[in-house]
Amino acid sequence: MDKLIEFAPLLGRGCLVTAGVAVLALVLATLLGALGAAAKLSGSPVWRGAAQIYTTIVRGIPDLVLILLVYFGGQRLLTTIVKSFDGDYLEISKFWAG
């Protein structure tokens, strides 16, 4: 019990970070879901086809693999883009990658 009290501030900060990631993920998922639904319900075959391809690909990739692709692949992609504009190495924070 003493160890739990000792680490209580760290656990509290961890809970706040987890809640922040959850809220941001909820907002982002709602926006992307609404855009995808609007695309699938649109009259344009291009938008419907793009939404169908996106959902087929994302549903076919396991969640852990998708997380790793976004974290490591996104880091690499952003670094490549920044270096093409004569920039330096860019690192994504773990919070925003999550």
PDB file of N, CA and C in Angstrom:
ATOM      1  N   MET A   1       0.814  -1.186   0.000  1.00  0.00           N
ATOM      2  CA  MET A   1       0.000   0.000   0.000  1.00  0.00           C
ATOM      3  C   MET A   1       0.864   1.259   0.000  1.00  0.00           C
ATOM      4  N   ASP A   2       2.017   1.155   0.654  1.00  0.00           N
ATOM      5  CA  ASP A   2       2.904   2.311   0.690  1.00  0.00           C
ATOM      6  C   ASP A   2       3.407   2.665  -0.703  1.00  0.00           C
ATOM      7  N   LYS A   3       3.688   1.646  -1.505  1.00  0.00           N
ATOM      8  CA  LYS A   3       4.148   1.898  -2.882  1.00  0.00           C
ATOM      9  C   LYS A   3       3.064   2.571  -3.711  1.00  0.00           C
ATOM     10  N   LEU A   4       1.824   2.180  -3.487  1.00  0.00           N
ATOM     11  CA  LEU A   4       0.717   2.789  -4.223  1.00  0.00           C
ATOM     12  C   LEU A   4       0.608   4.277  -3.897  1.00  0.00           C
ATOM     13  N   ILE A   5       0.747   4.609  -2.640  1.00  0.00           N
ATOM     14  CA  ILE A   5       0.707   6.010  -2.230  1.00  0.00           C
ATOM     15  C   ILE A   5       1.908   6.758  -2.794  1.00  0.00           C
ATOM     16  N   GLU A   6       3.049   6.099  -2.834  1.00  0.00           N
ATOM     17  CA  GLU A   6       4.261   6.726  -3.359  1.00  0.00           C
ATOM     18  C   GLU A   6       4.122   7.075  -4.842  1.00  0.00           C
ATOM     19  N   PHE A   7       3.464   6.213  -5.594  1.00  0.00           N
ATOM     20  CA  PHE A   7       3.315   6.418  -7.033  1.00  0.00           C
ATOM     21  C   PHE A   7       1.986   7.063  -7.414  1.00  0.00           C
ATOM     22  N   ALA A   8       1.214   7.519  -6.463  1.00  0.00           N
ATOM     23  CA  ALA A   8      -0.094   8.122  -6.739  1.00  0.00           C
ATOM     24  C   ALA A   8      -0.015   9.317  -7.686  1.00  0.00           C
ATOM     25  N   PRO A   9       0.959  10.240  -7.548  1.00  0.00           N
ATOM     26  CA  PRO A   9       1.024  11.354  -8.506  1.00  0.00           C
ATOM     27  C   PRO A   9       1.274  10.889  -9.944  1.00  0.00           C
ATOM     28  N   LEU A  10       2.128   9.890 -10.104  1.00  0.00           N
ATOM     29  CA  LEU A  10       2.380   9.362 -11.449  1.00  0.00           C
ATOM     30  C   LEU A  10       1.142   8.688 -12.022  1.00  0.00           C
ATOM     31  N   LEU A  11       0.444   7.942 -11.187  1.00  0.00           N
ATOM     32  CA  LEU A  11      -0.780   7.286 -11.642  1.00  0.00           C
ATOM     33  C   LEU A  11      -1.850   8.319 -12.007  1.00  0.00           C
ATOM     34  N   GLY A  12      -1.929   9.396 -11.239  1.00  0.00           N
ATOM     35  CA  GLY A  12      -2.888  10.458 -11.545  1.00  0.00           C
ATOM     36  C   GLY A  12      -2.596  11.118 -12.875  1.00  0.00           C
ATOM     37  N   ARG A  13      -1.311  11.433 -13.123  1.00  0.00           N
ATOM     38  CA  ARG A  13      -0.944  12.030 -14.413  1.00  0.00           C
ATOM     39  C   ARG A  13      -1.202  11.058 -15.557  1.00  0.00           C
ATOM     40  N   GLY A  14      -0.928   9.774 -15.321  1.00  0.00           N
ATOM     41  CA  GLY A  14      -1.200   8.772 -16.353  1.00  0.00           C
ATOM     42  C   GLY A  14      -2.675   8.682 -16.679  1.00  0.00           C
ATOM     43  N   CYS A  15      -3.529   8.809 -15.668  1.00  0.00           N
ATOM     44  CA  CYS A  15      -4.979   8.796 -15.901  1.00  0.00           C
ATOM     45  C   CYS A  15      -5.411  10.005 -16.719  1.00  0.00           C
ATOM     46  N   LEU A  16      -4.825  11.164 -16.437  1.00  0.00           N
ATOM     47  CA  LEU A  16      -5.167  12.368 -17.204  1.00  0.00           C
ATOM     48  C   LEU A  16      -4.725  12.251 -18.661  1.00  0.00           C
ATOM     49  N   VAL A  17      -3.538  11.703 -18.889  1.00  0.00           N
ATOM     50  CA  VAL A  17      -3.070  11.523 -20.266  1.00  0.00           C
ATOM     51  C   VAL A  17      -3.963  10.529 -20.997  1.00  0.00           C
ATOM     52  N   THR A  18      -4.319   9.445 -20.328  1.00  0.00           N
ATOM     53  CA  THR A  18      -5.195   8.451 -20.941  1.00  0.00           C
ATOM     54  C   THR A  18      -6.558   9.054 -21.280  1.00  0.00           C
ATOM     55  N   ALA A  19      -7.097   9.852 -20.384  1.00  0.00           N
ATOM     56  CA  ALA A  19      -8.389  10.505 -20.652  1.00  0.00           C
ATOM     57  C   ALA A  19      -8.265  11.484 -21.815  1.00  0.00           C
ATOM     58  N   GLY A  20      -7.152  12.213 -21.897  1.00  0.00           N
ATOM     59  CA  GLY A  20      -6.942  13.142 -23.009  1.00  0.00           C
ATOM     60  C   GLY A  20      -6.856  12.431 -24.343  1.00  0.00           C
ATOM     61  N   VAL A  21      -6.108  11.324 -24.380  1.00  0.00           N
ATOM     62  CA  VAL A  21      -6.007  10.546 -25.618  1.00  0.00           C
ATOM     63  C   VAL A  21      -7.367   9.988 -26.003  1.00  0.00           C
ATOM     64  N   ALA A  22      -8.128   9.515 -25.028  1.00  0.00           N
ATOM     65  CA  ALA A  22      -9.454   8.950 -25.312  1.00  0.00           C
ATOM     66  C   ALA A  22     -10.405  10.000 -25.875  1.00  0.00           C
ATOM     67  N   VAL A  23     -10.398  11.200 -25.305  1.00  0.00           N
ATOM     68  CA  VAL A  23     -11.294  12.262 -25.787  1.00  0.00           C
ATOM     69  C   VAL A  23     -10.910  12.692 -27.200  1.00  0.00           C
ATOM     70  N   LEU A  24      -9.611  12.891 -27.442  1.00  0.00           N
ATOM     71  CA  LEU A  24      -9.175  13.271 -28.788  1.00  0.00           C
ATOM     72  C   LEU A  24      -9.466  12.171 -29.808  1.00  0.00           C
ATOM     73  N   ALA A  25      -9.276  10.919 -29.411  1.00  0.00           N
ATOM     74  CA  ALA A  25      -9.579   9.809 -30.315  1.00  0.00           C
ATOM     75  C   ALA A  25     -11.072   9.753 -30.628  1.00  0.00           C
ATOM     76  N   LEU A  26     -11.902  10.026 -29.631  1.00  0.00           N
ATOM     77  CA  LEU A  26     -13.351  10.039 -29.847  1.00  0.00           C
ATOM     78  C   LEU A  26     -13.749  11.118 -30.842  1.00  0.00           C
ATOM     79  N   VAL A  27     -13.196  12.308 -30.676  1.00  0.00           N
ATOM     80  CA  VAL A  27     -13.519  13.410 -31.583  1.00  0.00           C
ATOM     81  C   VAL A  27     -13.045  13.099 -33.001  1.00  0.00           C
ATOM     82  N   LEU A  28     -11.801  12.630 -33.116  1.00  0.00           N
ATOM     83  CA  LEU A  28     -11.255  12.318 -34.442  1.00  0.00           C
ATOM     84  C   LEU A  28     -12.022  11.179 -35.108  1.00  0.00           C
ATOM     85  N   ALA A  29     -12.352  10.144 -34.346  1.00  0.00           N
ATOM     86  CA  ALA A  29     -13.095   9.017 -34.913  1.00  0.00           C
ATOM     87  C   ALA A  29     -14.495   9.438 -35.350  1.00  0.00           C
ATOM     88  N   THR A  30     -15.121  10.323 -34.592  1.00  0.00           N
ATOM     89  CA  THR A  30     -16.449  10.807 -34.971  1.00  0.00           C
ATOM     90  C   THR A  30     -16.390  11.603 -36.265  1.00  0.00           C
ATOM     91  N   LEU A  31     -15.390  12.481 -36.379  1.00  0.00           N
ATOM     92  CA  LEU A  31     -15.244  13.272 -37.608  1.00  0.00           C
ATOM     93  C   LEU A  31     -14.947  12.384 -38.818  1.00  0.00           C
ATOM     94  N   LEU A  32     -14.013  11.450 -38.658  1.00  0.00           N
ATOM     95  CA  LEU A  32     -13.690  10.560 -39.781  1.00  0.00           C
ATOM     96  C   LEU A  32     -14.868   9.656 -40.135  1.00  0.00           C
ATOM     97  N   GLY A  33     -15.595   9.188 -39.125  1.00  0.00           N
ATOM     98  CA  GLY A  33     -16.765   8.360 -39.383  1.00  0.00           C
ATOM     99  C   GLY A  33     -17.856   9.119 -40.113  1.00  0.00           C
ATOM    100  N   ALA A  34     -18.065  10.375 -39.715  1.00  0.00           N
ATOM    101  CA  ALA A  34     -19.074  11.204 -40.383  1.00  0.00           C
ATOM    102  C   ALA A  34     -18.678  11.474 -41.833  1.00  0.00           C
ATOM    103  N   LEU A  35     -17.393  11.753 -42.063  1.00  0.00           N
ATOM    104  CA  LEU A  35     -16.926  11.955 -43.441  1.00  0.00           C
ATOM    105  C   LEU A  35     -17.071  10.686 -44.282  1.00  0.00           C
ATOM    106  N   GLY A  36     -16.733   9.551 -43.687  1.00  0.00           N
ATOM    107  CA  GLY A  36     -16.878   8.283 -44.410  1.00  0.00           C
ATOM    108  C   GLY A  36     -18.324   7.962 -44.716  1.00  0.00           C
ATOM    109  N   ALA A  37     -19.223   8.216 -43.750  1.00  0.00           N
ATOM    110  CA  ALA A  37     -20.648   7.969 -43.979  1.00  0.00           C
ATOM    111  C   ALA A  37     -21.199   8.901 -45.052  1.00  0.00           C
ATOM    112  N   ALA A  38     -20.769  10.165 -45.002  1.00  0.00           N
ATOM    113  CA  ALA A  38     -21.224  11.113 -46.029  1.00  0.00           C
ATOM    114  C   ALA A  38     -20.728  10.693 -47.406  1.00  0.00           C
ATOM    115  N   ALA A  39     -19.499  10.191 -47.470  1.00  0.00           N
ATOM    116  CA  ALA A  39     -18.958   9.741 -48.757  1.00  0.00           C
ATOM    117  C   ALA A  39     -19.716   8.524 -49.276  1.00  0.00           C
ATOM    118  N   LYS A  40     -20.041   7.587 -48.380  1.00  0.00           N
ATOM    119  CA  LYS A  40     -20.768   6.384 -48.818  1.00  0.00           C
ATOM    120  C   LYS A  40     -22.208   6.700 -49.224  1.00  0.00           C
ATOM    121  N   LEU A  41     -22.784   7.741 -48.646  1.00  0.00           N
ATOM    122  CA  LEU A  41     -24.167   8.107 -48.971  1.00  0.00           C
ATOM    123  C   LEU A  41     -24.262   9.135 -50.089  1.00  0.00           C
ATOM    124  N   SER A  42     -23.124   9.614 -50.549  1.00  0.00           N
ATOM    125  CA  SER A  42     -23.151  10.657 -51.584  1.00  0.00           C
ATOM    126  C   SER A  42     -23.582  10.070 -52.931  1.00  0.00           C
ATOM    127  N   GLY A  43     -23.963  10.941 -53.811  1.00  0.00           N
ATOM    128  CA  GLY A  43     -24.373  10.515 -55.143  1.00  0.00           C
ATOM    129  C   GLY A  43     -23.208  10.291 -56.088  1.00  0.00           C
ATOM    130  N   SER A  44     -22.020  10.712 -55.685  1.00  0.00           N
ATOM    131  CA  SER A  44     -20.843  10.593 -56.544  1.00  0.00           C
ATOM    132  C   SER A  44     -20.242   9.189 -56.451  1.00  0.00           C
ATOM    133  N   PRO A  45     -20.086   8.520 -57.582  1.00  0.00           N
ATOM    134  CA  PRO A  45     -19.469   7.193 -57.531  1.00  0.00           C
ATOM    135  C   PRO A  45     -17.996   7.239 -57.118  1.00  0.00           C
ATOM    136  N   VAL A  46     -17.341   8.361 -57.360  1.00  0.00           N
ATOM    137  CA  VAL A  46     -15.934   8.487 -56.957  1.00  0.00           C
ATOM    138  C   VAL A  46     -15.824   8.494 -55.443  1.00  0.00           C
ATOM    139  N   TRP A  47     -16.655   9.290 -54.765  1.00  0.00           N
ATOM    140  CA  TRP A  47     -16.610   9.348 -53.306  1.00  0.00           C
ATOM    141  C   TRP A  47     -17.037   8.017 -52.684  1.00  0.00           C
ATOM    142  N   ARG A  48     -18.081   7.403 -53.249  1.00  0.00           N
ATOM    143  CA  ARG A  48     -18.513   6.102 -52.725  1.00  0.00           C
ATOM    144  C   ARG A  48     -17.427   5.059 -52.899  1.00  0.00           C
ATOM    145  N   GLY A  49     -16.780   5.059 -54.055  1.00  0.00           N
ATOM    146  CA  GLY A  49     -15.705   4.093 -54.302  1.00  0.00           C
ATOM    147  C   GLY A  49     -14.513   4.311 -53.390  1.00  0.00           C
ATOM    148  N   ALA A  50     -14.139   5.575 -53.173  1.00  0.00           N
ATOM    149  CA  ALA A  50     -13.012   5.886 -52.281  1.00  0.00           C
ATOM    150  C   ALA A  50     -13.326   5.449 -50.850  1.00  0.00           C
ATOM    151  N   ALA A  51     -14.550   5.689 -50.397  1.00  0.00           N
ATOM    152  CA  ALA A  51     -14.947   5.274 -49.053  1.00  0.00           C
ATOM    153  C   ALA A  51     -14.969   3.753 -48.936  1.00  0.00           C
ATOM    154  N   GLN A  52     -15.416   3.077 -49.969  1.00  0.00           N
ATOM    155  CA  GLN A  52     -15.447   1.610 -49.956  1.00  0.00           C
ATOM    156  C   GLN A  52     -14.040   1.040 -49.899  1.00  0.00           C
ATOM    157  N   ILE A  53     -13.131   1.586 -50.684  1.00  0.00           N
ATOM    158  CA  ILE A  53     -11.731   1.117 -50.679  1.00  0.00           C
ATOM    159  C   ILE A  53     -11.105   1.354 -49.313  1.00  0.00           C
ATOM    160  N   TYR A  54     -11.327   2.556 -48.745  1.00  0.00           N
ATOM    161  CA  TYR A  54     -10.764   2.886 -47.430  1.00  0.00           C
ATOM    162  C   TYR A  54     -11.264   1.917 -46.362  1.00  0.00           C
ATOM    163  N   THR A  55     -12.578   1.700 -46.300  1.00  0.00           N
ATOM    164  CA  THR A  55     -13.114   0.818 -45.263  1.00  0.00           C
ATOM    165  C   THR A  55     -12.662  -0.627 -45.456  1.00  0.00           C
ATOM    166  N   THR A  56     -12.537  -1.062 -46.697  1.00  0.00           N
ATOM    167  CA  THR A  56     -12.075  -2.425 -46.949  1.00  0.00           C
ATOM    168  C   THR A  56     -10.639  -2.603 -46.483  1.00  0.00           C
ATOM    169  N   ILE A  57      -9.795  -1.639 -46.767  1.00  0.00           N
ATOM    170  CA  ILE A  57      -8.384  -1.744 -46.373  1.00  0.00           C
ATOM    171  C   ILE A  57      -8.240  -1.652 -44.855  1.00  0.00           C
ATOM    172  N   VAL A  58      -8.887  -0.676 -44.232  1.00  0.00           N
ATOM    173  CA  VAL A  58      -8.735  -0.482 -42.793  1.00  0.00           C
ATOM    174  C   VAL A  58      -9.322  -1.653 -42.012  1.00  0.00           C
ATOM    175  N   ARG A  59     -10.426  -2.193 -42.464  1.00  0.00           N
ATOM    176  CA  ARG A  59     -11.010  -3.352 -41.768  1.00  0.00           C
ATOM    177  C   ARG A  59     -10.155  -4.605 -41.932  1.00  0.00           C
ATOM    178  N   GLY A  60      -9.388  -4.690 -43.009  1.00  0.00           N
ATOM    179  CA  GLY A  60      -8.580  -5.872 -43.264  1.00  0.00           C
ATOM    180  C   GLY A  60      -7.247  -5.884 -42.537  1.00  0.00           C
ATOM    181  N   ILE A  61      -6.838  -4.762 -41.984  1.00  0.00           N
ATOM    182  CA  ILE A  61      -5.562  -4.684 -41.278  1.00  0.00           C
ATOM    183  C   ILE A  61      -5.824  -4.807 -39.782  1.00  0.00           C
ATOM    184  N   PRO A  62      -5.106  -5.703 -39.085  1.00  0.00           N
ATOM    185  CA  PRO A  62      -5.288  -5.805 -37.630  1.00  0.00           C
ATOM    186  C   PRO A  62      -4.936  -4.479 -36.935  1.00  0.00           C
ATOM    187  N   ASP A  63      -5.601  -4.215 -35.817  1.00  0.00           N
ATOM    188  CA  ASP A  63      -5.432  -2.940 -35.123  1.00  0.00           C
ATOM    189  C   ASP A  63      -3.985  -2.668 -34.724  1.00  0.00           C
ATOM    190  N   LEU A  64      -3.304  -3.676 -34.170  1.00  0.00           N
ATOM    191  CA  LEU A  64      -1.929  -3.466 -33.727  1.00  0.00           C
ATOM    192  C   LEU A  64      -1.017  -3.124 -34.899  1.00  0.00           C
ATOM    193  N   VAL A  65      -1.213  -3.801 -36.019  1.00  0.00           N
ATOM    194  CA  VAL A  65      -0.405  -3.504 -37.202  1.00  0.00           C
ATOM    195  C   VAL A  65      -0.694  -2.082 -37.693  1.00  0.00           C
ATOM    196  N   LEU A  66      -1.945  -1.684 -37.676  1.00  0.00           N
ATOM    197  CA  LEU A  66      -2.304  -0.325 -38.096  1.00  0.00           C
ATOM    198  C   LEU A  66      -1.690   0.726 -37.168  1.00  0.00           C
ATOM    199  N   ILE A  67      -1.696   0.460 -35.871  1.00  0.00           N
ATOM    200  CA  ILE A  67      -1.070   1.382 -34.913  1.00  0.00           C
ATOM    201  C   ILE A  67       0.415   1.512 -35.192  1.00  0.00           C
ATOM    202  N   LEU A  68       1.092   0.399 -35.416  1.00  0.00           N
ATOM    203  CA  LEU A  68       2.526   0.440 -35.702  1.00  0.00           C
ATOM    204  C   LEU A  68       2.815   1.137 -37.027  1.00  0.00           C
ATOM    205  N   LEU A  69       1.970   0.915 -38.017  1.00  0.00           N
ATOM    206  CA  LEU A  69       2.150   1.601 -39.301  1.00  0.00           C
ATOM    207  C   LEU A  69       1.990   3.106 -39.158  1.00  0.00           C
ATOM    208  N   VAL A  70       0.997   3.529 -38.398  1.00  0.00           N
ATOM    209  CA  VAL A  70       0.781   4.959 -38.208  1.00  0.00           C
ATOM    210  C   VAL A  70       1.938   5.572 -37.423  1.00  0.00           C
ATOM    211  N   TYR A  71       2.377   4.906 -36.360  1.00  0.00           N
ATOM    212  CA  TYR A  71       3.433   5.480 -35.526  1.00  0.00           C
ATOM    213  C   TYR A  71       4.774   5.529 -36.262  1.00  0.00           C
ATOM    214  N   PHE A  72       5.237   4.395 -36.765  1.00  0.00           N
ATOM    215  CA  PHE A  72       6.552   4.366 -37.404  1.00  0.00           C
ATOM    216  C   PHE A  72       6.504   4.895 -38.832  1.00  0.00           C
ATOM    217  N   GLY A  73       5.474   4.534 -39.584  1.00  0.00           N
ATOM    218  CA  GLY A  73       5.356   5.010 -40.955  1.00  0.00           C
ATOM    219  C   GLY A  73       5.058   6.496 -41.024  1.00  0.00           C
ATOM    220  N   GLY A  74       4.220   6.982 -40.108  1.00  0.00           N
ATOM    221  CA  GLY A  74       3.925   8.410 -40.061  1.00  0.00           C
ATOM    222  C   GLY A  74       5.147   9.226 -39.698  1.00  0.00           C
ATOM    223  N   GLN A  75       5.938   8.699 -38.772  1.00  0.00           N
ATOM    224  CA  GLN A  75       7.186   9.365 -38.390  1.00  0.00           C
ATOM    225  C   GLN A  75       8.116   9.470 -39.586  1.00  0.00           C
ATOM    226  N   ARG A  76       8.250   8.386 -40.302  1.00  0.00           N
ATOM    227  CA  ARG A  76       9.142   8.358 -41.470  1.00  0.00           C
ATOM    228  C   ARG A  76       8.627   9.286 -42.568  1.00  0.00           C
ATOM    229  N   LEU A  77       7.319   9.259 -42.812  1.00  0.00           N
ATOM    230  CA  LEU A  77       6.725  10.106 -43.847  1.00  0.00           C
ATOM    231  C   LEU A  77       6.908  11.588 -43.528  1.00  0.00           C
ATOM    232  N   LEU A  78       6.636  11.983 -42.281  1.00  0.00           N
ATOM    233  CA  LEU A  78       6.807  13.388 -41.905  1.00  0.00           C
ATOM    234  C   LEU A  78       8.264  13.824 -41.990  1.00  0.00           C
ATOM    235  N   THR A  79       9.188  12.955 -41.582  1.00  0.00           N
ATOM    236  CA  THR A  79      10.608  13.292 -41.675  1.00  0.00           C
ATOM    237  C   THR A  79      11.021  13.465 -43.126  1.00  0.00           C
ATOM    238  N   THR A  80      10.535  12.619 -44.009  1.00  0.00           N
ATOM    239  CA  THR A  80      10.851  12.734 -45.430  1.00  0.00           C
ATOM    240  C   THR A  80      10.300  14.035 -46.006  1.00  0.00           C
ATOM    241  N   ILE A  81       9.086  14.390 -45.639  1.00  0.00           N
ATOM    242  CA  ILE A  81       8.484  15.633 -46.128  1.00  0.00           C
ATOM    243  C   ILE A  81       9.258  16.845 -45.625  1.00  0.00           C
ATOM    244  N   VAL A  82       9.601  16.848 -44.338  1.00  0.00           N
ATOM    245  CA  VAL A  82      10.336  17.982 -43.771  1.00  0.00           C
ATOM    246  C   VAL A  82      11.720  18.096 -44.393  1.00  0.00           C
ATOM    247  N   LYS A  83      12.393  16.970 -44.610  1.00  0.00           N
ATOM    248  CA  LYS A  83      13.729  17.010 -45.215  1.00  0.00           C
ATOM    249  C   LYS A  83      13.673  17.476 -46.670  1.00  0.00           C
ATOM    250  N   SER A  84      12.574  17.236 -47.362  1.00  0.00           N
ATOM    251  CA  SER A  84      12.464  17.710 -48.742  1.00  0.00           C
ATOM    252  C   SER A  84      12.381  19.230 -48.817  1.00  0.00           C
ATOM    253  N   PHE A  85      11.982  19.859 -47.701  1.00  0.00           N
ATOM    254  CA  PHE A  85      11.956  21.318 -47.621  1.00  0.00           C
ATOM    255  C   PHE A  85      13.175  21.851 -46.877  1.00  0.00           C
ATOM    256  N   ASP A  86      14.271  21.112 -46.916  1.00  0.00           N
ATOM    257  CA  ASP A  86      15.533  21.463 -46.256  1.00  0.00           C
ATOM    258  C   ASP A  86      15.371  21.600 -44.746  1.00  0.00           C
ATOM    259  N   GLY A  87      14.503  20.812 -44.176  1.00  0.00           N
ATOM    260  CA  GLY A  87      14.305  20.834 -42.729  1.00  0.00           C
ATOM    261  C   GLY A  87      15.163  19.788 -42.051  1.00  0.00           C
ATOM    262  N   ASP A  88      15.013  19.700 -40.747  1.00  0.00           N
ATOM    263  CA  ASP A  88      15.759  18.757 -39.948  1.00  0.00           C
ATOM    264  C   ASP A  88      14.833  17.615 -39.534  1.00  0.00           C
ATOM    265  N   TYR A  89      15.363  16.671 -38.793  1.00  0.00           N
ATOM    266  CA  TYR A  89      14.598  15.528 -38.306  1.00  0.00           C
ATOM    267  C   TYR A  89      13.423  16.015 -37.461  1.00  0.00           C
ATOM    268  N   LEU A  90      12.257  15.451 -37.687  1.00  0.00           N
ATOM    269  CA  LEU A  90      11.052  15.826 -36.955  1.00  0.00           C
ATOM    270  C   LEU A  90      10.565  14.617 -36.180  1.00  0.00           C
ATOM    271  N   GLU A  91      10.345  14.803 -34.895  1.00  0.00           N
ATOM    272  CA  GLU A  91       9.873  13.697 -34.074  1.00  0.00           C
ATOM    273  C   GLU A  91       8.454  13.980 -33.594  1.00  0.00           C
ATOM    274  N   ILE A  92       7.601  12.995 -33.721  1.00  0.00           N
ATOM    275  CA  ILE A  92       6.214  13.108 -33.276  1.00  0.00           C
ATOM    276  C   ILE A  92       6.163  12.709 -31.804  1.00  0.00           C
ATOM    277  N   SER A  93       5.445  13.479 -31.007  1.00  0.00           N
ATOM    278  CA  SER A  93       5.315  13.099 -29.594  1.00  0.00           C
ATOM    279  C   SER A  93       4.461  11.836 -29.491  1.00  0.00           C
ATOM    280  N   LYS A  94       4.690  11.098 -28.449  1.00  0.00           N
ATOM    281  CA  LYS A  94       3.948   9.852 -28.253  1.00  0.00           C
ATOM    282  C   LYS A  94       2.457  10.116 -28.064  1.00  0.00           C
ATOM    283  N   PHE A  95       2.124  11.264 -27.468  1.00  0.00           N
ATOM    284  CA  PHE A  95       0.719  11.613 -27.250  1.00  0.00           C
ATOM    285  C   PHE A  95      -0.003  11.758 -28.583  1.00  0.00           C
ATOM    286  N   TRP A  96       0.559  12.564 -29.499  1.00  0.00           N
ATOM    287  CA  TRP A  96      -0.099  12.806 -30.782  1.00  0.00           C
ATOM    288  C   TRP A  96      -0.053  11.578 -31.668  1.00  0.00           C
ATOM    289  N   ALA A  97       0.969  10.760 -31.557  1.00  0.00           N
ATOM    290  CA  ALA A  97       0.998   9.516 -32.314  1.00  0.00           C
ATOM    291  C   ALA A  97      -0.100   8.567 -31.832  1.00  0.00           C
ATOM    292  N   GLY A  98      -0.344   8.579 -30.526  1.00  0.00           N
ATOM    293  CA  GLY A  98      -1.415   7.746 -29.967  1.00  0.00           C
ATOM    294  C   GLY A  98      -2.761   8.188 -30.466  1.00  0.00           C
TER     295      GLY A  98
END
